[in-house]
N, C-alpha and C. Protein backbone atom coordinates (compact mmCIF):
# COMPACT_ATOMS: atom_id res chain seq x y z
N MET A 1 -7.67 -5.55 14.54
CA MET A 1 -7.91 -5.39 12.97
C MET A 1 -6.65 -6.23 12.24
N ALA A 2 -7.59 -6.68 11.31
CA ALA A 2 -6.64 -7.09 9.87
C ALA A 2 -5.65 -6.49 9.18
N THR A 3 -4.83 -6.73 8.65
CA THR A 3 -3.98 -5.84 7.89
C THR A 3 -4.47 -5.97 6.51
N ASP A 4 -5.12 -4.53 5.83
CA ASP A 4 -5.74 -4.80 4.49
C ASP A 4 -4.69 -4.48 3.32
N TRP A 5 -3.99 -6.07 3.02
CA TRP A 5 -2.74 -5.89 2.05
C TRP A 5 -3.60 -5.47 1.16
N ILE A 6 -4.31 -5.77 0.85
CA ILE A 6 -4.65 -5.36 -1.10
C ILE A 6 -4.88 -4.21 -0.85
N ALA A 7 -4.97 -2.97 -0.28
CA ALA A 7 -5.07 -1.79 0.17
C ALA A 7 -4.01 -1.49 -0.06
N LEU A 8 -2.60 -2.09 0.40
CA LEU A 8 -1.57 -1.65 0.89
C LEU A 8 -0.73 -1.60 -0.32
N GLN A 9 -1.33 -3.00 -0.91
CA GLN A 9 -0.72 -3.66 -2.31
C GLN A 9 -0.61 -2.22 -3.08
N SER A 10 -1.55 -1.67 -3.04
CA SER A 10 -2.34 -0.24 -4.05
C SER A 10 -1.53 0.46 -3.65
N LEU A 11 -1.59 0.75 -2.62
CA LEU A 11 -0.39 2.10 -2.06
C LEU A 11 0.97 2.26 -2.69
N ALA A 12 1.44 0.64 -1.98
CA ALA A 12 2.46 0.69 -2.62
C ALA A 12 3.00 0.47 -3.98
N ALA A 13 1.77 0.19 -4.93
CA ALA A 13 2.35 0.21 -6.48
C ALA A 13 2.61 1.99 -7.05
N ALA A 14 1.40 2.58 -5.97
CA ALA A 14 1.19 4.10 -6.23
C ALA A 14 2.16 4.79 -5.85
N GLU A 15 2.94 4.52 -4.76
CA GLU A 15 4.01 4.87 -4.54
C GLU A 15 5.54 4.98 -5.36
N PHE A 16 5.42 3.29 -5.82
CA PHE A 16 6.37 3.25 -6.66
C PHE A 16 6.19 3.75 -8.12
N GLY A 17 4.77 3.96 -8.28
CA GLY A 17 4.84 4.64 -9.51
C GLY A 17 5.03 6.77 -9.60
N ARG A 18 4.58 6.83 -8.61
CA ARG A 18 5.04 8.32 -8.29
C ARG A 18 6.78 8.55 -8.41
N ARG A 19 7.62 7.41 -8.42
CA ARG A 19 9.24 7.36 -8.11
C ARG A 19 9.07 7.79 -9.20
N VAL A 20 8.49 6.19 -9.85
CA VAL A 20 9.01 6.06 -11.58
C VAL A 20 8.89 7.41 -12.51
N ALA A 21 8.27 8.06 -12.35
CA ALA A 21 7.54 9.12 -13.21
C ALA A 21 8.64 10.21 -12.59
N ALA A 22 9.21 10.59 -11.41
CA ALA A 22 10.27 11.37 -11.55
C ALA A 22 12.07 10.96 -12.35
N VAL A 23 11.60 9.49 -12.70
CA VAL A 23 13.18 9.47 -13.10
C VAL A 23 13.41 10.16 -14.33
N THR A 24 14.78 11.02 -13.96
CA THR A 24 14.94 11.73 -15.51
C THR A 24 16.52 10.96 -15.96
N ASP A 25 16.86 9.80 -14.59
CA ASP A 25 18.42 9.35 -15.23
C ASP A 25 18.10 7.98 -15.18
N TRP A 26 18.10 7.41 -16.27
CA TRP A 26 17.85 5.58 -15.67
C TRP A 26 19.30 4.94 -16.11
N ASP A 27 20.26 5.35 -15.80
CA ASP A 27 22.01 5.06 -15.20
C ASP A 27 22.36 5.31 -14.40
N ALA A 28 21.64 6.07 -13.22
CA ALA A 28 21.80 6.69 -11.43
C ALA A 28 21.87 5.57 -10.67
N PRO A 29 23.12 5.43 -9.70
CA PRO A 29 23.21 4.57 -9.16
C PRO A 29 21.93 4.33 -8.12
N THR A 30 21.46 3.43 -7.35
CA THR A 30 20.86 3.38 -6.36
C THR A 30 21.49 2.54 -5.30
N PRO A 31 20.87 2.20 -3.81
CA PRO A 31 21.17 2.33 -3.07
C PRO A 31 22.22 0.52 -2.96
N ASP A 32 21.56 -0.53 -4.10
CA ASP A 32 22.17 -1.48 -4.24
C ASP A 32 23.20 -1.09 -5.50
N SER A 33 24.16 -1.22 -5.01
CA SER A 33 25.55 -0.69 -5.79
C SER A 33 25.62 -1.67 -6.99
N GLU A 34 24.89 -2.27 -7.02
CA GLU A 34 24.86 -3.68 -8.47
C GLU A 34 23.79 -2.80 -9.28
N TRP A 35 22.97 -2.50 -9.40
CA TRP A 35 22.21 -1.87 -9.98
C TRP A 35 21.63 -0.50 -10.10
N THR A 36 21.64 0.04 -11.31
CA THR A 36 21.24 1.23 -12.07
C THR A 36 19.86 1.55 -11.52
N THR A 37 19.18 2.65 -11.67
CA THR A 37 17.78 2.96 -11.45
C THR A 37 17.21 2.52 -12.85
N ARG A 38 17.36 1.70 -13.71
CA ARG A 38 16.90 0.84 -14.95
C ARG A 38 17.10 -0.13 -14.58
N ASP A 39 17.81 -0.66 -13.70
CA ASP A 39 17.78 -2.62 -13.19
C ASP A 39 16.75 -2.33 -12.32
N LEU A 40 16.71 -1.76 -11.75
CA LEU A 40 15.98 -1.65 -10.06
C LEU A 40 14.23 -1.28 -10.41
N VAL A 41 14.42 -0.78 -11.57
CA VAL A 41 12.34 -0.34 -12.11
C VAL A 41 12.13 -1.73 -12.69
N THR A 42 13.36 -2.02 -13.66
CA THR A 42 13.15 -3.80 -14.52
C THR A 42 12.94 -4.41 -13.73
N HIS A 43 13.56 -4.96 -12.26
CA HIS A 43 13.44 -6.22 -11.54
C HIS A 43 11.62 -5.60 -10.93
N VAL A 44 11.41 -4.28 -10.33
CA VAL A 44 10.24 -4.15 -9.73
C VAL A 44 8.84 -4.23 -11.31
N ILE A 45 9.11 -4.40 -11.98
CA ILE A 45 8.09 -4.53 -12.88
C ILE A 45 8.28 -6.15 -13.22
N ASP A 46 9.34 -6.54 -13.79
CA ASP A 46 9.24 -7.98 -13.77
C ASP A 46 8.85 -8.75 -12.80
N GLU A 47 8.58 -8.14 -11.56
CA GLU A 47 8.09 -9.17 -10.15
C GLU A 47 6.57 -9.10 -10.59
N GLN A 48 5.87 -7.76 -11.23
CA GLN A 48 4.42 -7.55 -11.45
C GLN A 48 3.90 -8.58 -11.86
N ARG A 49 4.42 -8.50 -13.31
CA ARG A 49 4.72 -9.19 -14.82
C ARG A 49 4.36 -10.30 -14.58
N TRP A 50 4.81 -11.16 -13.34
CA TRP A 50 4.37 -12.64 -12.61
C TRP A 50 2.90 -13.01 -12.32
N ILE A 51 2.73 -11.82 -11.47
CA ILE A 51 1.81 -11.91 -10.75
C ILE A 51 0.04 -12.12 -10.81
N PRO A 52 0.06 -11.53 -12.13
CA PRO A 52 -1.46 -12.38 -12.95
C PRO A 52 -1.07 -13.39 -13.28
N LYS A 53 -0.24 -14.35 -13.78
CA LYS A 53 -0.26 -15.43 -14.58
C LYS A 53 -0.05 -16.65 -13.03
N LEU A 54 0.88 -15.94 -11.78
CA LEU A 54 0.90 -16.84 -10.92
C LEU A 54 -0.36 -17.20 -9.96
N LEU A 55 -1.65 -16.56 -9.87
CA LEU A 55 -2.26 -16.13 -9.17
C LEU A 55 -3.24 -16.65 -9.76
N THR A 56 -3.47 -17.24 -10.96
CA THR A 56 -4.31 -18.39 -11.87
C THR A 56 -4.18 -20.02 -11.50
N GLY A 57 -3.29 -19.89 -10.05
CA GLY A 57 -2.73 -21.06 -10.00
C GLY A 57 -1.99 -22.10 -10.96
N CYS A 58 -1.27 -21.46 -12.11
CA CYS A 58 -0.93 -22.44 -12.81
C CYS A 58 0.68 -22.88 -12.19
N ASP A 59 1.81 -23.36 -12.91
CA ASP A 59 2.42 -24.11 -12.62
C ASP A 59 3.87 -22.53 -12.83
N TYR A 60 5.35 -22.67 -11.82
CA TYR A 60 5.97 -21.85 -12.29
C TYR A 60 6.05 -21.57 -14.20
N ALA A 61 6.37 -22.91 -14.27
CA ALA A 61 7.20 -23.32 -15.76
C ALA A 61 6.08 -22.61 -16.95
N GLN A 62 4.27 -22.85 -16.83
CA GLN A 62 3.58 -22.14 -17.71
C GLN A 62 3.57 -20.67 -17.75
N ALA A 63 3.97 -20.23 -16.19
CA ALA A 63 3.87 -18.88 -16.38
C ALA A 63 4.75 -17.86 -16.95
N GLU A 64 5.58 -18.70 -16.89
CA GLU A 64 6.78 -18.37 -17.57
C GLU A 64 6.80 -18.36 -18.85
N ALA A 65 6.39 -19.19 -19.57
CA ALA A 65 6.18 -19.58 -21.23
C ALA A 65 5.46 -18.43 -21.56
N ASP A 66 4.26 -17.78 -20.69
CA ASP A 66 3.35 -16.67 -20.91
C ASP A 66 3.70 -15.60 -20.39
N LEU A 67 4.95 -15.18 -20.12
CA LEU A 67 4.99 -13.86 -19.84
C LEU A 67 4.97 -12.88 -20.91
N GLU A 68 4.37 -11.88 -20.75
CA GLU A 68 5.08 -10.85 -22.25
C GLU A 68 6.55 -9.96 -21.98
N PRO A 69 7.41 -10.22 -22.88
CA PRO A 69 8.24 -8.86 -22.28
C PRO A 69 8.29 -7.94 -21.75
N ILE A 70 9.21 -7.22 -21.53
CA ILE A 70 9.12 -6.14 -21.02
C ILE A 70 9.78 -5.17 -21.74
N GLY A 71 9.09 -3.94 -22.21
CA GLY A 71 9.23 -3.04 -23.31
C GLY A 71 10.76 -2.17 -23.05
N HIS A 72 10.85 -1.42 -23.77
CA HIS A 72 11.39 -0.25 -22.93
C HIS A 72 11.40 1.08 -22.35
N ASP A 73 9.92 1.22 -22.62
CA ASP A 73 9.35 2.81 -21.87
C ASP A 73 9.38 2.20 -20.67
N LEU A 74 9.94 1.75 -19.85
CA LEU A 74 9.80 1.94 -18.39
C LEU A 74 8.61 1.95 -17.48
N ALA A 75 8.19 3.51 -17.89
CA ALA A 75 7.32 4.41 -17.40
C ALA A 75 5.98 3.59 -17.85
N ALA A 76 6.36 3.11 -19.31
CA ALA A 76 4.78 2.86 -19.55
C ALA A 76 4.47 1.53 -19.35
N GLU A 77 5.60 0.38 -18.71
CA GLU A 77 5.62 -0.52 -18.75
C GLU A 77 5.10 -0.80 -17.47
N TRP A 78 5.57 0.03 -16.21
CA TRP A 78 5.39 -0.31 -14.88
C TRP A 78 3.63 0.27 -14.79
N ALA A 79 3.13 1.21 -15.34
CA ALA A 79 1.97 1.53 -15.79
C ALA A 79 1.31 0.13 -15.60
N LYS A 80 1.35 -0.19 -16.90
CA LYS A 80 0.78 -1.53 -17.71
C LYS A 80 0.55 -2.64 -16.71
N PHE A 81 1.95 -2.61 -16.07
CA PHE A 81 2.10 -3.94 -14.72
C PHE A 81 1.68 -3.88 -13.92
N ALA A 82 1.94 -2.62 -13.30
CA ALA A 82 1.36 -2.69 -12.01
C ALA A 82 -0.37 -2.38 -11.88
N ALA A 83 -0.91 -1.94 -13.03
CA ALA A 83 -2.20 -1.88 -13.00
C ALA A 83 -2.97 -3.49 -12.91
N GLU A 84 -2.35 -4.34 -13.76
CA GLU A 84 -2.92 -5.94 -14.11
C GLU A 84 -1.94 -6.48 -12.87
N ALA A 85 -1.50 -6.32 -11.82
CA ALA A 85 -1.18 -7.09 -10.65
C ALA A 85 -2.18 -6.29 -9.92
N THR A 86 -2.61 -5.15 -9.61
CA THR A 86 -3.94 -4.48 -8.93
C THR A 86 -4.89 -5.41 -9.22
N GLU A 87 -4.84 -5.41 -10.20
CA GLU A 87 -6.57 -6.34 -10.93
C GLU A 87 -6.18 -7.50 -10.34
N ALA A 88 -5.24 -8.41 -10.54
CA ALA A 88 -5.34 -9.59 -10.32
C ALA A 88 -5.10 -9.85 -8.65
N TRP A 89 -4.56 -8.97 -7.98
CA TRP A 89 -4.82 -9.22 -6.31
C TRP A 89 -6.31 -9.02 -6.18
N ARG A 90 -6.66 -7.99 -6.54
CA ARG A 90 -8.12 -7.68 -6.33
C ARG A 90 -9.09 -8.86 -6.09
N ILE A 91 -9.02 -9.64 -7.64
CA ILE A 91 -9.95 -10.78 -7.76
C ILE A 91 -9.53 -12.03 -7.49
N SER A 92 -8.16 -12.34 -7.21
CA SER A 92 -7.58 -13.31 -6.83
C SER A 92 -8.18 -14.34 -5.23
N PRO A 93 -8.86 -15.18 -4.98
CA PRO A 93 -8.96 -15.66 -3.14
C PRO A 93 -7.78 -15.93 -2.71
N ALA A 94 -7.59 -15.48 -1.61
CA ALA A 94 -6.09 -15.46 -0.82
C ALA A 94 -5.61 -16.64 -0.58
N ASP A 95 -6.36 -18.28 -0.76
CA ASP A 95 -6.28 -19.02 -0.53
C ASP A 95 -5.33 -19.92 -2.19
N THR A 96 -5.52 -19.21 -3.01
CA THR A 96 -4.88 -19.49 -4.31
C THR A 96 -3.39 -19.92 -4.38
N PRO A 97 -3.10 -21.37 -4.32
CA PRO A 97 -2.08 -21.61 -4.56
C PRO A 97 -1.11 -20.88 -5.56
N VAL A 98 0.21 -20.47 -5.34
CA VAL A 98 0.93 -19.57 -6.10
C VAL A 98 2.33 -20.87 -5.98
N HIS A 99 2.31 -20.77 -7.18
CA HIS A 99 3.56 -21.87 -7.57
C HIS A 99 5.08 -20.90 -7.66
N LEU A 100 5.91 -20.87 -7.21
CA LEU A 100 6.46 -20.13 -7.42
C LEU A 100 8.09 -21.14 -7.60
N SER A 101 9.15 -20.62 -7.89
CA SER A 101 10.19 -21.10 -8.88
C SER A 101 10.89 -22.25 -7.29
N THR A 102 10.78 -22.00 -6.78
CA THR A 102 11.34 -22.83 -5.57
C THR A 102 10.14 -23.40 -4.11
N ASP A 103 8.88 -22.79 -4.66
CA ASP A 103 7.67 -23.12 -3.27
C ASP A 103 6.97 -23.22 -3.50
N VAL A 104 5.73 -23.92 -3.36
CA VAL A 104 4.32 -23.40 -3.37
C VAL A 104 3.26 -22.84 -2.39
N VAL A 105 3.33 -21.08 -2.09
CA VAL A 105 2.80 -20.59 -1.18
C VAL A 105 1.20 -19.89 -1.31
N ARG A 106 0.34 -19.80 -0.34
CA ARG A 106 -1.12 -19.19 -0.86
C ARG A 106 -0.75 -17.98 -1.00
N ALA A 107 -1.72 -17.32 -2.07
CA ALA A 107 -2.03 -16.07 -2.62
C ALA A 107 -1.82 -14.81 -1.81
N GLU A 108 -1.92 -14.99 -0.50
CA GLU A 108 -2.08 -14.00 0.54
C GLU A 108 -0.63 -14.12 1.35
N GLU A 109 0.25 -14.78 1.45
CA GLU A 109 1.64 -15.03 1.79
C GLU A 109 2.22 -14.51 0.39
N TYR A 110 2.11 -14.41 -1.04
CA TYR A 110 2.55 -13.83 -1.62
C TYR A 110 2.66 -12.00 -1.78
N LEU A 111 1.33 -12.32 -2.01
CA LEU A 111 0.56 -10.41 -1.19
C LEU A 111 1.48 -10.24 -0.66
N THR A 112 1.64 -10.51 0.64
CA THR A 112 2.85 -9.59 1.46
C THR A 112 3.89 -9.67 1.26
N GLU A 113 4.66 -10.56 0.90
CA GLU A 113 6.02 -10.42 0.31
C GLU A 113 5.72 -9.41 -0.77
N GLN A 114 5.39 -9.77 -1.86
CA GLN A 114 5.63 -8.57 -2.84
C GLN A 114 5.05 -7.09 -2.15
N THR A 115 4.05 -6.70 -1.26
CA THR A 115 3.92 -5.08 -1.52
C THR A 115 5.07 -5.34 -0.39
N SER A 116 5.77 -5.72 0.13
CA SER A 116 6.82 -5.53 0.76
C SER A 116 7.87 -5.14 0.15
N ASP A 117 8.17 -6.47 -1.01
CA ASP A 117 9.35 -5.89 -2.06
C ASP A 117 8.87 -4.78 -2.44
N ILE A 118 7.94 -4.20 -2.90
CA ILE A 118 7.96 -2.66 -3.50
C ILE A 118 7.74 -1.69 -2.66
N THR A 119 7.73 -1.88 -1.56
CA THR A 119 7.75 -0.57 -0.55
C THR A 119 9.49 -0.44 -0.22
N ILE A 120 10.23 -1.47 0.17
CA ILE A 120 11.24 -1.58 -0.06
C ILE A 120 12.25 -0.91 -1.12
N HIS A 121 11.89 -1.49 -2.29
CA HIS A 121 12.38 -0.78 -3.81
C HIS A 121 11.68 0.72 -3.37
N THR A 122 10.58 1.27 -3.33
CA THR A 122 10.08 2.45 -3.35
C THR A 122 11.09 3.77 -2.87
N TRP A 123 11.30 3.06 -1.47
CA TRP A 123 12.59 3.95 -0.67
C TRP A 123 14.29 4.05 -1.83
N ASP A 124 14.07 2.38 -2.10
CA ASP A 124 15.38 2.78 -2.88
C ASP A 124 15.50 4.00 -4.23
N LEU A 125 14.00 3.55 -4.85
CA LEU A 125 13.97 4.57 -6.03
C LEU A 125 14.41 5.78 -5.43
N ALA A 126 13.33 6.23 -5.09
CA ALA A 126 13.35 7.68 -4.28
C ALA A 126 15.15 8.37 -4.03
N ARG A 127 15.62 7.25 -2.86
CA ARG A 127 16.98 8.18 -3.02
C ARG A 127 17.92 7.83 -4.22
N ALA A 128 17.56 6.92 -4.99
CA ALA A 128 18.19 7.24 -6.43
C ALA A 128 17.79 8.11 -7.39
N THR A 129 16.78 8.57 -7.33
CA THR A 129 16.23 9.70 -7.92
C THR A 129 15.69 11.18 -6.72
N GLY A 130 16.41 10.99 -5.57
CA GLY A 130 16.44 12.57 -5.11
C GLY A 130 15.24 13.04 -5.33
N THR A 131 14.12 12.02 -4.72
CA THR A 131 12.84 12.47 -4.79
C THR A 131 12.43 12.51 -3.35
N ASP A 132 11.49 12.42 -2.55
CA ASP A 132 11.06 12.34 -1.30
C ASP A 132 11.05 10.77 -1.03
N GLU A 133 11.77 10.71 0.37
CA GLU A 133 12.28 9.54 0.54
C GLU A 133 10.99 8.96 1.47
N SER A 134 10.41 9.53 2.03
CA SER A 134 9.37 9.31 3.01
C SER A 134 8.33 8.28 2.96
N LEU A 135 7.88 7.19 3.24
CA LEU A 135 7.08 6.07 2.88
C LEU A 135 5.85 6.26 3.70
N PRO A 136 4.36 5.74 3.64
CA PRO A 136 3.42 6.36 3.79
C PRO A 136 3.60 5.40 5.43
N ALA A 137 3.08 5.81 6.28
CA ALA A 137 3.51 5.09 7.76
C ALA A 137 2.21 3.51 7.96
N GLU A 138 1.26 3.56 7.20
CA GLU A 138 0.55 2.29 6.87
C GLU A 138 1.45 1.26 6.58
N LEU A 139 2.12 1.35 5.43
CA LEU A 139 3.11 0.72 4.94
C LEU A 139 3.67 0.16 5.87
N VAL A 140 4.94 1.29 5.94
CA VAL A 140 6.02 1.26 6.68
C VAL A 140 5.39 -0.19 7.69
N GLN A 141 4.63 0.30 8.79
CA GLN A 141 4.30 -0.20 10.06
C GLN A 141 3.52 -1.75 9.47
N ALA A 142 2.97 -1.97 8.41
CA ALA A 142 2.86 -3.29 8.24
C ALA A 142 4.03 -4.09 7.73
N VAL A 143 4.49 -3.30 6.91
CA VAL A 143 5.87 -4.35 6.44
C VAL A 143 6.76 -4.65 7.60
N TRP A 144 6.71 -3.90 8.67
CA TRP A 144 7.89 -3.59 10.58
C TRP A 144 7.37 -4.98 10.67
N GLU A 145 6.06 -5.21 10.92
CA GLU A 145 5.11 -6.23 11.63
C GLU A 145 5.48 -7.66 10.82
N TYR A 146 5.21 -7.70 9.71
CA TYR A 146 5.86 -8.57 8.79
C TYR A 146 7.09 -9.34 8.78
N PHE A 147 8.44 -8.23 8.50
CA PHE A 147 9.39 -8.61 8.74
C PHE A 147 10.40 -8.67 10.58
N GLU A 148 8.96 -7.98 10.88
CA GLU A 148 10.10 -7.81 12.51
C GLU A 148 10.03 -9.58 13.02
N PRO A 149 9.42 -10.78 13.31
CA PRO A 149 9.48 -11.91 13.57
C PRO A 149 10.92 -12.89 12.62
N GLN A 150 10.80 -12.22 11.59
CA GLN A 150 12.18 -12.91 10.49
C GLN A 150 13.77 -11.96 10.80
N ILE A 151 13.41 -11.00 11.66
CA ILE A 151 14.87 -9.87 11.25
C ILE A 151 15.98 -11.29 11.47
N GLU A 152 16.40 -12.00 12.13
CA GLU A 152 17.43 -12.94 12.50
C GLU A 152 17.63 -13.45 11.00
N ASP A 153 16.43 -13.26 10.08
CA ASP A 153 16.66 -14.82 8.95
C ASP A 153 16.45 -13.77 8.22
N LEU A 154 16.53 -12.36 7.87
CA LEU A 154 16.46 -11.50 6.50
C LEU A 154 17.92 -12.01 5.72
N ALA A 155 19.01 -11.61 6.41
CA ALA A 155 19.94 -11.93 4.96
C ALA A 155 20.62 -13.02 4.92
N ALA A 156 19.89 -13.93 5.88
CA ALA A 156 20.22 -15.26 5.29
C ALA A 156 19.57 -15.47 4.06
N THR A 157 18.18 -15.19 4.10
CA THR A 157 17.73 -15.61 2.48
C THR A 157 18.29 -15.16 1.10
N GLY A 158 19.28 -14.15 0.73
CA GLY A 158 20.01 -13.64 0.01
C GLY A 158 19.69 -12.44 -0.52
N LEU A 159 18.09 -11.85 0.00
CA LEU A 159 17.28 -11.29 -0.89
C LEU A 159 18.09 -9.50 -0.27
N TYR A 160 18.36 -9.70 0.93
CA TYR A 160 19.04 -8.40 1.62
C TYR A 160 20.07 -8.32 2.33
N ALA A 161 20.67 -7.55 2.37
CA ALA A 161 21.87 -7.37 2.59
C ALA A 161 22.35 -7.35 4.18
N ALA A 162 23.38 -7.25 4.71
CA ALA A 162 23.20 -7.89 6.00
C ALA A 162 22.78 -6.49 7.03
N PRO A 163 21.87 -6.45 8.27
CA PRO A 163 21.57 -5.53 8.56
C PRO A 163 22.06 -4.33 9.02
N VAL A 164 21.77 -2.93 8.75
CA VAL A 164 22.93 -1.84 9.76
C VAL A 164 22.00 -1.68 10.92
N GLN A 165 23.37 -1.30 11.62
CA GLN A 165 23.22 -0.90 12.96
C GLN A 165 22.49 0.23 12.91
N VAL A 166 21.28 0.21 14.16
CA VAL A 166 20.71 1.82 14.12
C VAL A 166 19.85 1.60 15.53
N ASP A 167 20.01 3.33 16.25
CA ASP A 167 19.63 3.12 17.29
C ASP A 167 18.07 2.81 17.41
N ASP A 168 17.62 1.91 18.48
CA ASP A 168 16.63 0.80 18.58
C ASP A 168 15.20 2.43 18.65
N ASP A 169 15.52 3.67 18.91
CA ASP A 169 14.62 4.87 19.04
C ASP A 169 14.46 6.03 17.85
N ALA A 170 15.24 4.61 17.02
CA ALA A 170 15.20 5.31 15.46
C ALA A 170 13.81 5.36 14.96
N PRO A 171 13.26 6.50 14.11
CA PRO A 171 12.29 6.15 13.16
C PRO A 171 11.98 4.97 12.45
N LEU A 172 10.30 4.53 12.76
CA LEU A 172 10.19 2.82 12.39
C LEU A 172 10.83 2.75 10.68
N GLN A 173 10.70 3.93 9.94
CA GLN A 173 11.29 3.57 8.76
C GLN A 173 12.88 3.43 8.63
N VAL A 174 12.96 3.97 9.13
CA VAL A 174 14.95 4.04 9.49
C VAL A 174 14.85 2.39 9.86
N ARG A 175 14.82 2.21 11.26
CA ARG A 175 14.33 0.84 11.45
C ARG A 175 14.35 -0.38 10.71
N LEU A 176 12.90 -0.16 9.90
CA LEU A 176 12.71 -0.90 8.83
C LEU A 176 13.73 -1.08 7.65
N LEU A 177 14.28 -0.15 7.06
CA LEU A 177 15.16 0.03 5.88
C LEU A 177 16.46 -1.02 6.27
N ALA A 178 16.95 -0.59 8.06
CA ALA A 178 17.83 -1.41 7.97
C ALA A 178 18.03 -2.31 8.04
N VAL A 179 17.33 -2.96 8.83
CA VAL A 179 16.88 -4.94 8.85
C VAL A 179 16.58 -5.55 7.20
N THR A 180 16.90 -4.65 6.42
CA THR A 180 17.22 -4.92 4.30
C THR A 180 18.49 -4.16 4.24
N GLY A 181 19.15 -3.73 5.42
CA GLY A 181 21.04 -3.46 4.71
C GLY A 181 20.67 -2.12 4.13
N ARG A 182 19.79 -1.34 4.62
CA ARG A 182 19.80 0.13 4.10
C ARG A 182 19.66 0.88 4.81
N ASP A 183 20.84 1.96 4.88
CA ASP A 183 20.78 2.66 6.25
C ASP A 183 20.05 4.22 5.34
N ALA A 184 19.13 4.64 5.87
CA ALA A 184 18.06 5.92 5.51
C ALA A 184 18.18 7.17 6.05
N ARG A 185 19.87 7.07 7.09
CA ARG A 185 19.76 7.91 7.57
C ARG A 185 20.99 8.98 7.05
N VAL A 186 21.41 8.32 6.11
CA VAL A 186 22.97 8.94 5.37
C VAL A 186 22.40 9.37 4.16
N ASN A 187 22.28 10.53 3.42
CA ASN A 187 21.70 10.77 2.14
C ASN A 187 22.72 10.38 0.95
N ALA A 188 22.50 10.09 -0.13
CA ALA A 188 23.67 9.98 -0.48
C ALA A 188 23.88 11.14 -1.34
């Protein structure tokens, strides 16, 4: 059975939104020592605001020129840009060329990458806000299946820290987060 990344994207966005609603300290640290909660949420909002533009097939420079700025009310901005991105994914053909800053990929590949990014950052935000860190099993499974063939290369992308060593029999969520440099075994 094929993975329904559209449904998973919607689920990931809802999970992240639940954590955004729980933020009480926008300056709180996150698992990424360089980011505050505000930085993390702003990063994920920024990614979402690109999606509707890039899914039109326009080039990167045009998408960048058309971007709306992110306002100060991050919870409202998340709701707005996440809804727009979810709708864009729903109506965009899977083979739409997406012109990223360094590459052109098909929309279906971009969807998988973006859904994976939101999923990982949902855990980051949960850890930062002290909320429920458990991620939906179907998201964890799908992102693991996407990442597993690339485990050796993930840290080399510069997007993730070096993998954390965990036991092979650790829960799948712990292993998934470990390959992205996150230690889900330790409470902050």
